[in-house]
Amino acid sequence: MPNRDNPRAVLGVVCLLALFGCGGQSHAGDGDTGGTGGTGGAPEGGAPADLTGTWDAIGSMLGETPIELTITLDAQHIEVTTSSGSFVAERDASGFHASYTVDTISKPIVGAQQNAGSMRFGIIPLDLSGSWSVRNFDPSDGYGCDATLSTTGASGLCSATKFPPWTDGYNPGAGSATGAKMSDAPSSFGDLGGVWKVTFSKGSTCTFRFEAATFSSDCGSSLGGLTITFSGSMASGNNTRGFELSAKRR
């Protein structure tokens, strides 16, 4: 069962979500707002115009040692650095090249875009819509996933996965997932704005909400829930087990 009580694991998942949150070209001051959701209208909550920049993040929970990370984002690049390793992804003409490093061991990953999408992501200008094939640089090991994302739905099919140890407990392994957008809402996250329901082949279901400047999830007893709110150059959140996250852009 996923170790949802491990702050390193939860913060690792937050950083993986940041892969879908690479910002655009300008910094935002406090009180700026982002784009609109699928139904239009201005978002609330003082969201940044985008997430570009370097963010210092810390996660903590009672009885656990705080975990610190540095996250650098721009339109073509994301880098997550921890005390035990790093994750780096760069866009290229066919998709992206990425790698994660644990201690001195580096694992290269290639993501090829099969069909382009046309979604708007608001404060998340990096467009990951369309269909993708993600494999280790050496595909002979069998690790890999195929995924699609559109304005109305999402899907994923993984033959096998092996995430970095700092996401301990959240490695999906082999299996599939199917998601559908259930409703629209004004949001800083563009076409993501609203409520999404994702069902996994192993039986669990998650509900994701992108409303105003807040992202939240509810995955029931297996993974619990998580809420993150963006405001200017700050972000903060918590989960249902007492984990707390804060981040500030430099």
C-alpha atoms as a PDB file:
ATOM      1  CA  MET A   1       0.000   0.000   0.000  1.00  0.00           C
ATOM      2  CA  PRO A   2       1.306   3.515  -0.752  1.00  0.00           C
ATOM      3  CA  ASN A   3       3.079   5.175   2.155  1.00  0.00           C
ATOM      4  CA  ARG A   4       0.957   8.301   2.273  1.00  0.00           C
ATOM      5  CA  ASP A   5       2.408   9.242   5.704  1.00  0.00           C
ATOM      6  CA  ASN A   6       5.925   9.761   4.301  1.00  0.00           C
ATOM      7  CA  PRO A   7       6.516  13.504   3.678  1.00  0.00           C
ATOM      8  CA  ARG A   8       9.361  12.721   1.271  1.00  0.00           C
ATOM      9  CA  ALA A   9       7.003  10.591  -0.808  1.00  0.00           C
ATOM     10  CA  VAL A  10       4.164  13.122  -0.804  1.00  0.00           C
ATOM     11  CA  LEU A  11       6.499  16.002  -1.648  1.00  0.00           C
ATOM     12  CA  GLY A  12       7.972  13.883  -4.424  1.00  0.00           C
ATOM     13  CA  VAL A  13       4.509  13.468  -5.899  1.00  0.00           C
ATOM     14  CA  VAL A  14       3.964  17.234  -5.660  1.00  0.00           C
ATOM     15  CA  CYS A  15       7.163  17.696  -7.657  1.00  0.00           C
ATOM     16  CA  LEU A  16       6.073  15.198 -10.284  1.00  0.00           C
ATOM     17  CA  LEU A  17       2.858  17.186 -10.617  1.00  0.00           C
ATOM     18  CA  ALA A  18       5.059  20.203 -11.198  1.00  0.00           C
ATOM     19  CA  LEU A  19       6.153  18.578 -14.438  1.00  0.00           C
ATOM     20  CA  PHE A  20       2.707  19.592 -15.680  1.00  0.00           C
ATOM     21  CA  GLY A  21       3.181  23.081 -14.255  1.00  0.00           C
ATOM     22  CA  CYS A  22       6.113  24.556 -16.164  1.00  0.00           C
ATOM     23  CA  GLY A  23       5.553  28.274 -16.482  1.00  0.00           C
ATOM     24  CA  GLY A  24       5.798  30.781 -19.305  1.00  0.00           C
ATOM     25  CA  GLN A  25       8.102  33.738 -19.764  1.00  0.00           C
ATOM     26  CA  SER A  26       7.151  36.379 -17.198  1.00  0.00           C
ATOM     27  CA  HIS A  27       7.146  36.603 -13.424  1.00  0.00           C
ATOM     28  CA  ALA A  28       3.997  37.531 -11.547  1.00  0.00           C
ATOM     29  CA  GLY A  29       3.670  39.868  -8.618  1.00  0.00           C
ATOM     30  CA  ASP A  30       1.452  39.221  -5.628  1.00  0.00           C
ATOM     31  CA  GLY A  31      -2.193  39.559  -6.517  1.00  0.00           C
ATOM     32  CA  ASP A  32      -1.859  38.790 -10.222  1.00  0.00           C
ATOM     33  CA  THR A  33      -4.353  36.392 -11.752  1.00  0.00           C
ATOM     34  CA  GLY A  34      -3.960  33.672 -14.313  1.00  0.00           C
ATOM     35  CA  GLY A  35      -6.033  32.462 -17.226  1.00  0.00           C
ATOM     36  CA  THR A  36      -9.618  31.329 -17.193  1.00  0.00           C
ATOM     37  CA  GLY A  37     -11.061  27.882 -16.926  1.00  0.00           C
ATOM     38  CA  GLY A  38     -13.031  25.877 -19.432  1.00  0.00           C
ATOM     39  CA  THR A  39     -16.167  27.954 -18.848  1.00  0.00           C
ATOM     40  CA  GLY A  40     -14.416  31.332 -18.834  1.00  0.00           C
ATOM     41  CA  GLY A  41     -14.417  33.950 -16.094  1.00  0.00           C
ATOM     42  CA  ALA A  42     -11.634  35.331 -13.905  1.00  0.00           C
ATOM     43  CA  PRO A  43     -10.102  33.045 -11.279  1.00  0.00           C
ATOM     44  CA  GLU A  44     -10.004  34.054  -7.644  1.00  0.00           C
ATOM     45  CA  GLY A  45      -7.290  33.822  -5.010  1.00  0.00           C
ATOM     46  CA  GLY A  46      -4.493  35.995  -6.440  1.00  0.00           C
ATOM     47  CA  ALA A  47      -2.934  33.285  -8.600  1.00  0.00           C
ATOM     48  CA  PRO A  48       0.377  34.034 -10.339  1.00  0.00           C
ATOM     49  CA  ALA A  49       0.303  34.785 -14.054  1.00  0.00           C
ATOM     50  CA  ASP A  50       2.540  31.730 -14.480  1.00  0.00           C
ATOM     51  CA  LEU A  51       4.883  29.498 -12.500  1.00  0.00           C
ATOM     52  CA  THR A  52       8.172  30.442 -14.146  1.00  0.00           C
ATOM     53  CA  GLY A  53      11.146  30.715 -11.816  1.00  0.00           C
ATOM     54  CA  THR A  54      12.999  28.928  -9.046  1.00  0.00           C
ATOM     55  CA  TRP A  55      10.928  27.756  -6.091  1.00  0.00           C
ATOM     56  CA  ASP A  56      12.222  26.709  -2.685  1.00  0.00           C
ATOM     57  CA  ALA A  57       9.878  24.139  -1.155  1.00  0.00           C
ATOM     58  CA  ILE A  58       9.717  22.429   2.210  1.00  0.00           C
ATOM     59  CA  GLY A  59       7.460  19.626   3.396  1.00  0.00           C
ATOM     60  CA  SER A  60       6.979  18.555   6.975  1.00  0.00           C
ATOM     61  CA  MET A  61       4.866  16.408   9.230  1.00  0.00           C
ATOM     62  CA  LEU A  62       4.821  15.926  12.997  1.00  0.00           C
ATOM     63  CA  GLY A  63       7.473  13.411  13.971  1.00  0.00           C
ATOM     64  CA  GLU A  64       9.285  13.501  10.622  1.00  0.00           C
ATOM     65  CA  THR A  65      12.406  15.370   9.482  1.00  0.00           C
ATOM     66  CA  PRO A  66      11.449  18.264   7.138  1.00  0.00           C
ATOM     67  CA  ILE A  67      12.255  17.701   3.471  1.00  0.00           C
ATOM     68  CA  GLU A  68      13.634  20.546   1.333  1.00  0.00           C
ATOM     69  CA  LEU A  69      13.578  20.783  -2.462  1.00  0.00           C
ATOM     70  CA  THR A  70      14.441  23.312  -5.148  1.00  0.00           C
ATOM     71  CA  ILE A  71      12.210  23.400  -8.249  1.00  0.00           C
ATOM     72  CA  THR A  72      13.199  25.427 -11.327  1.00  0.00           C
ATOM     73  CA  LEU A  73      10.594  25.892 -14.070  1.00  0.00           C
ATOM     74  CA  ASP A  74      10.347  27.584 -17.440  1.00  0.00           C
ATOM     75  CA  ALA A  75       8.573  26.933 -20.741  1.00  0.00           C
ATOM     76  CA  GLN A  76      11.110  24.329 -21.887  1.00  0.00           C
ATOM     77  CA  HIS A  77      12.614  22.932 -18.706  1.00  0.00           C
ATOM     78  CA  ILE A  78      11.982  21.618 -15.215  1.00  0.00           C
ATOM     79  CA  GLU A  79      14.545  20.632 -12.607  1.00  0.00           C
ATOM     80  CA  VAL A  80      13.775  19.208  -9.164  1.00  0.00           C
ATOM     81  CA  THR A  81      16.702  18.866  -6.745  1.00  0.00           C
ATOM     82  CA  THR A  82      16.640  17.118  -3.372  1.00  0.00           C
ATOM     83  CA  SER A  83      19.318  16.048  -0.923  1.00  0.00           C
ATOM     84  CA  SER A  84      19.198  12.521  -2.356  1.00  0.00           C
ATOM     85  CA  GLY A  85      18.765  13.104  -6.079  1.00  0.00           C
ATOM     86  CA  SER A  86      17.279  15.129  -8.919  1.00  0.00           C
ATOM     87  CA  PHE A  87      14.871  15.057 -11.852  1.00  0.00           C
ATOM     88  CA  VAL A  88      15.509  17.084 -15.031  1.00  0.00           C
ATOM     89  CA  ALA A  89      13.342  17.333 -18.161  1.00  0.00           C
ATOM     90  CA  GLU A  90      14.010  19.358 -21.346  1.00  0.00           C
ATOM     91  CA  ARG A  91      11.603  19.880 -24.250  1.00  0.00           C
ATOM     92  CA  ASP A  92      12.847  19.087 -27.753  1.00  0.00           C
ATOM     93  CA  ALA A  93      11.377  18.883 -31.253  1.00  0.00           C
ATOM     94  CA  SER A  94       9.832  15.435 -30.764  1.00  0.00           C
ATOM     95  CA  GLY A  95       8.798  15.700 -27.117  1.00  0.00           C
ATOM     96  CA  PHE A  96      11.239  15.758 -24.218  1.00  0.00           C
ATOM     97  CA  HIS A  97      14.350  14.134 -22.810  1.00  0.00           C
ATOM     98  CA  ALA A  98      14.505  13.601 -19.066  1.00  0.00           C
ATOM     99  CA  SER A  99      16.570  11.871 -16.432  1.00  0.00           C
ATOM    100  CA  TYR A 100      16.486  11.291 -12.724  1.00  0.00           C
ATOM    101  CA  THR A 101      19.555  10.818 -10.552  1.00  0.00           C
ATOM    102  CA  VAL A 102      19.770   9.027  -7.232  1.00  0.00           C
ATOM    103  CA  ASP A 103      23.166   9.426  -5.561  1.00  0.00           C
ATOM    104  CA  THR A 104      25.501   8.885  -8.546  1.00  0.00           C
ATOM    105  CA  ILE A 105      23.181   6.723 -10.683  1.00  0.00           C
ATOM    106  CA  SER A 106      21.374   8.466 -13.558  1.00  0.00           C
ATOM    107  CA  LYS A 107      18.429   7.030 -15.521  1.00  0.00           C
ATOM    108  CA  PRO A 108      17.595   8.660 -18.913  1.00  0.00           C
ATOM    109  CA  ILE A 109      13.978   8.830 -20.139  1.00  0.00           C
ATOM    110  CA  VAL A 110      12.534   9.794 -23.530  1.00  0.00           C
ATOM    111  CA  GLY A 111       9.013  11.118 -24.091  1.00  0.00           C
ATOM    112  CA  ALA A 112       7.824  11.173 -27.718  1.00  0.00           C
ATOM    113  CA  GLN A 113       4.667  13.045 -28.688  1.00  0.00           C
ATOM    114  CA  GLN A 114       2.565  10.891 -31.031  1.00  0.00           C
ATOM    115  CA  ASN A 115      -0.216  13.414 -31.688  1.00  0.00           C
ATOM    116  CA  ALA A 116      -0.270  17.083 -30.704  1.00  0.00           C
ATOM    117  CA  GLY A 117      -3.008  18.522 -28.520  1.00  0.00           C
ATOM    118  CA  SER A 118      -4.463  22.014 -28.290  1.00  0.00           C
ATOM    119  CA  MET A 119      -5.326  22.540 -24.634  1.00  0.00           C
ATOM    120  CA  ARG A 120      -4.918  25.829 -22.770  1.00  0.00           C
ATOM    121  CA  PHE A 121      -3.262  25.452 -19.359  1.00  0.00           C
ATOM    122  CA  GLY A 122      -3.538  28.960 -17.881  1.00  0.00           C
ATOM    123  CA  ILE A 123      -0.668  29.355 -15.421  1.00  0.00           C
ATOM    124  CA  ILE A 124       0.700  26.062 -16.819  1.00  0.00           C
ATOM    125  CA  PRO A 125       1.792  27.079 -20.340  1.00  0.00           C
ATOM    126  CA  LEU A 126       3.755  23.905 -21.061  1.00  0.00           C
ATOM    127  CA  ASP A 127       1.342  22.004 -23.310  1.00  0.00           C
ATOM    128  CA  LEU A 128       1.312  18.283 -22.480  1.00  0.00           C
ATOM    129  CA  SER A 129      -1.984  17.587 -24.231  1.00  0.00           C
ATOM    130  CA  GLY A 130      -2.203  15.065 -27.031  1.00  0.00           C
ATOM    131  CA  SER A 131      -0.816  11.527 -26.979  1.00  0.00           C
ATOM    132  CA  TRP A 132       2.586  10.494 -25.628  1.00  0.00           C
ATOM    133  CA  SER A 133       4.879   7.487 -25.406  1.00  0.00           C
ATOM    134  CA  VAL A 134       7.321   7.584 -22.475  1.00  0.00           C
ATOM    135  CA  ARG A 135      10.133   5.029 -22.253  1.00  0.00           C
ATOM    136  CA  ASN A 136      13.541   4.604 -20.683  1.00  0.00           C
ATOM    137  CA  PHE A 137      16.311   5.542 -23.105  1.00  0.00           C
ATOM    138  CA  ASP A 138      17.065   1.820 -23.306  1.00  0.00           C
ATOM    139  CA  PRO A 139      13.597   0.345 -24.038  1.00  0.00           C
ATOM    140  CA  SER A 140      14.783  -3.244 -23.571  1.00  0.00           C
ATOM    141  CA  ASP A 141      14.082  -3.089 -19.824  1.00  0.00           C
ATOM    142  CA  GLY A 142      10.330  -2.951 -20.490  1.00  0.00           C
ATOM    143  CA  TYR A 143       9.590   0.159 -18.444  1.00  0.00           C
ATOM    144  CA  GLY A 144       7.238   2.635 -20.075  1.00  0.00           C
ATOM    145  CA  CYS A 145       3.812   4.247 -20.387  1.00  0.00           C
ATOM    146  CA  ASP A 146       1.500   5.545 -23.112  1.00  0.00           C
ATOM    147  CA  ALA A 147      -0.775   8.433 -22.215  1.00  0.00           C
ATOM    148  CA  THR A 148      -3.297  10.866 -23.682  1.00  0.00           C
ATOM    149  CA  LEU A 149      -4.723  14.147 -22.383  1.00  0.00           C
ATOM    150  CA  SER A 150      -7.500  16.244 -23.912  1.00  0.00           C
ATOM    151  CA  THR A 151     -10.027  18.831 -22.750  1.00  0.00           C
ATOM    152  CA  THR A 152     -12.549  16.089 -21.939  1.00  0.00           C
ATOM    153  CA  GLY A 153     -10.527  13.097 -20.824  1.00  0.00           C
ATOM    154  CA  ALA A 154      -7.245  11.355 -20.072  1.00  0.00           C
ATOM    155  CA  SER A 155      -5.881   7.826 -20.240  1.00  0.00           C
ATOM    156  CA  GLY A 156      -2.709   5.972 -19.401  1.00  0.00           C
ATOM    157  CA  LEU A 157      -1.337   2.455 -19.899  1.00  0.00           C
ATOM    158  CA  CYS A 158       1.933   1.364 -18.257  1.00  0.00           C
ATOM    159  CA  SER A 159       3.796  -1.861 -18.934  1.00  0.00           C
ATOM    160  CA  ALA A 160       5.987  -1.250 -15.877  1.00  0.00           C
ATOM    161  CA  THR A 161       7.330   1.768 -13.972  1.00  0.00           C
ATOM    162  CA  LYS A 162      10.113   2.487 -11.536  1.00  0.00           C
ATOM    163  CA  PHE A 163       9.939   5.970 -10.060  1.00  0.00           C
ATOM    164  CA  PRO A 164      12.762   7.575  -8.038  1.00  0.00           C
ATOM    165  CA  PRO A 165      12.966   6.420  -4.382  1.00  0.00           C
ATOM    166  CA  TRP A 166      11.859   9.861  -3.170  1.00  0.00           C
ATOM    167  CA  THR A 167       8.379   9.024  -4.492  1.00  0.00           C
ATOM    168  CA  ASP A 168       8.357   5.897  -2.314  1.00  0.00           C
ATOM    169  CA  GLY A 169       4.915   4.312  -2.198  1.00  0.00           C
ATOM    170  CA  TYR A 170       3.521   6.088  -5.266  1.00  0.00           C
ATOM    171  CA  ASN A 171       5.039   3.948  -8.028  1.00  0.00           C
ATOM    172  CA  PRO A 172       2.038   2.925 -10.182  1.00  0.00           C
ATOM    173  CA  GLY A 173       3.704  -0.203 -11.585  1.00  0.00           C
ATOM    174  CA  ALA A 174       1.883  -1.965 -14.416  1.00  0.00           C
ATOM    175  CA  GLY A 175      -1.731  -1.064 -15.138  1.00  0.00           C
ATOM    176  CA  SER A 176      -4.007   1.498 -16.706  1.00  0.00           C
ATOM    177  CA  ALA A 177      -6.050   4.571 -15.835  1.00  0.00           C
ATOM    178  CA  THR A 178      -8.996   6.308 -17.483  1.00  0.00           C
ATOM    179  CA  GLY A 179     -10.127   9.827 -16.655  1.00  0.00           C
ATOM    180  CA  ALA A 180     -13.050  12.045 -17.644  1.00  0.00           C
ATOM    181  CA  LYS A 181     -13.845  15.682 -17.004  1.00  0.00           C
ATOM    182  CA  MET A 182     -17.099  15.738 -15.066  1.00  0.00           C
ATOM    183  CA  SER A 183     -17.711  19.495 -14.943  1.00  0.00           C
ATOM    184  CA  ASP A 184     -16.126  22.866 -15.778  1.00  0.00           C
ATOM    185  CA  ALA A 185     -15.153  25.643 -13.374  1.00  0.00           C
ATOM    186  CA  PRO A 186     -13.429  29.057 -13.586  1.00  0.00           C
ATOM    187  CA  SER A 187      -9.777  28.340 -12.852  1.00  0.00           C
ATOM    188  CA  SER A 188      -6.204  29.559 -13.175  1.00  0.00           C
ATOM    189  CA  PHE A 189      -5.426  26.217 -14.832  1.00  0.00           C
ATOM    190  CA  GLY A 190      -7.077  26.873 -18.207  1.00  0.00           C
ATOM    191  CA  ASP A 191      -8.902  23.916 -19.747  1.00  0.00           C
ATOM    192  CA  LEU A 192      -8.111  21.800 -16.706  1.00  0.00           C
ATOM    193  CA  GLY A 193     -10.538  23.964 -14.734  1.00  0.00           C
ATOM    194  CA  GLY A 194     -13.270  21.856 -13.149  1.00  0.00           C
ATOM    195  CA  VAL A 195     -13.676  18.375 -11.700  1.00  0.00           C
ATOM    196  CA  TRP A 196     -11.970  15.257 -13.102  1.00  0.00           C
ATOM    197  CA  LYS A 197     -12.574  11.636 -12.126  1.00  0.00           C
ATOM    198  CA  VAL A 198      -9.828   9.067 -12.752  1.00  0.00           C
ATOM    199  CA  THR A 199     -10.327   5.318 -12.330  1.00  0.00           C
ATOM    200  CA  PHE A 200      -7.353   2.946 -12.063  1.00  0.00           C
ATOM    201  CA  SER A 201      -7.262  -0.677 -13.207  1.00  0.00           C
ATOM    202  CA  LYS A 202      -6.270  -1.810  -9.719  1.00  0.00           C
ATOM    203  CA  GLY A 203      -9.612  -0.577  -8.395  1.00  0.00           C
ATOM    204  CA  SER A 204      -8.978   2.846  -6.851  1.00  0.00           C
ATOM    205  CA  THR A 205     -10.598   6.103  -7.959  1.00  0.00           C
ATOM    206  CA  CYS A 206      -9.395   9.695  -7.588  1.00  0.00           C
ATOM    207  CA  THR A 207     -11.266  12.967  -7.969  1.00  0.00           C
ATOM    208  CA  PHE A 208      -9.167  15.991  -8.996  1.00  0.00           C
ATOM    209  CA  ARG A 209     -10.421  19.578  -8.766  1.00  0.00           C
ATOM    210  CA  PHE A 210      -8.895  22.631 -10.451  1.00  0.00           C
ATOM    211  CA  GLU A 211     -10.864  25.555  -9.037  1.00  0.00           C
ATOM    212  CA  ALA A 212      -9.730  29.199  -8.944  1.00  0.00           C
ATOM    213  CA  ALA A 213      -6.053  29.009  -7.881  1.00  0.00           C
ATOM    214  CA  THR A 214      -6.382  25.726  -5.986  1.00  0.00           C
ATOM    215  CA  PHE A 215      -5.676  22.124  -6.988  1.00  0.00           C
ATOM    216  CA  SER A 216      -7.113  19.379  -4.778  1.00  0.00           C
ATOM    217  CA  SER A 217      -7.373  15.602  -4.917  1.00  0.00           C
ATOM    218  CA  ASP A 218      -9.414  12.963  -3.140  1.00  0.00           C
ATOM    219  CA  CYS A 219      -8.201   9.393  -3.629  1.00  0.00           C
ATOM    220  CA  GLY A 220     -10.096   7.734  -0.799  1.00  0.00           C
ATOM    221  CA  SER A 221      -8.415   5.554   1.803  1.00  0.00           C
ATOM    222  CA  SER A 222      -5.518   4.449  -0.432  1.00  0.00           C
ATOM    223  CA  LEU A 223      -3.842   7.826  -0.971  1.00  0.00           C
ATOM    224  CA  GLY A 224      -6.018  10.276   0.943  1.00  0.00           C
ATOM    225  CA  GLY A 225      -6.396  13.857  -0.251  1.00  0.00           C
ATOM    226  CA  LEU A 226      -4.120  16.778  -1.088  1.00  0.00           C
ATOM    227  CA  THR A 227      -4.767  20.517  -1.518  1.00  0.00           C
ATOM    228  CA  ILE A 228      -2.371  23.112  -2.989  1.00  0.00           C
ATOM    229  CA  THR A 229      -3.141  26.820  -3.449  1.00  0.00           C
ATOM    230  CA  PHE A 230      -1.054  29.325  -5.436  1.00  0.00           C
ATOM    231  CA  SER A 231      -0.979  33.009  -4.485  1.00  0.00           C
ATOM    232  CA  GLY A 232       1.461  35.397  -6.097  1.00  0.00           C
ATOM    233  CA  SER A 233       4.952  34.003  -5.520  1.00  0.00           C
ATOM    234  CA  MET A 234       3.806  31.625  -2.794  1.00  0.00           C
ATOM    235  CA  ALA A 235       2.235  28.182  -2.653  1.00  0.00           C
ATOM    236  CA  SER A 236       0.948  26.231   0.309  1.00  0.00           C
ATOM    237  CA  GLY A 237      -0.945  23.047   0.947  1.00  0.00           C
ATOM    238  CA  ASN A 238      -1.586  20.018   3.094  1.00  0.00           C
ATOM    239  CA  ASN A 239      -2.914  16.503   2.926  1.00  0.00           C
ATOM    240  CA  THR A 240      -5.420  14.564   4.983  1.00  0.00           C
ATOM    241  CA  ARG A 241      -2.706  12.909   7.082  1.00  0.00           C
ATOM    242  CA  GLY A 242      -1.115  16.074   8.467  1.00  0.00           C
ATOM    243  CA  PHE A 243       1.578  16.693   5.848  1.00  0.00           C
ATOM    244  CA  GLU A 244       2.180  20.415   5.182  1.00  0.00           C
ATOM    245  CA  LEU A 245       3.836  21.992   2.142  1.00  0.00           C
ATOM    246  CA  SER A 246       5.036  25.528   1.546  1.00  0.00           C
ATOM    247  CA  ALA A 247       6.960  27.005  -1.376  1.00  0.00           C
ATOM    248  CA  LYS A 248       8.243  30.457  -2.316  1.00  0.00           C
ATOM    249  CA  ARG A 249       9.584  31.725  -5.618  1.00  0.00           C
ATOM    250  CA  ARG A 250      12.942  33.470  -5.398  1.00  0.00           C
END
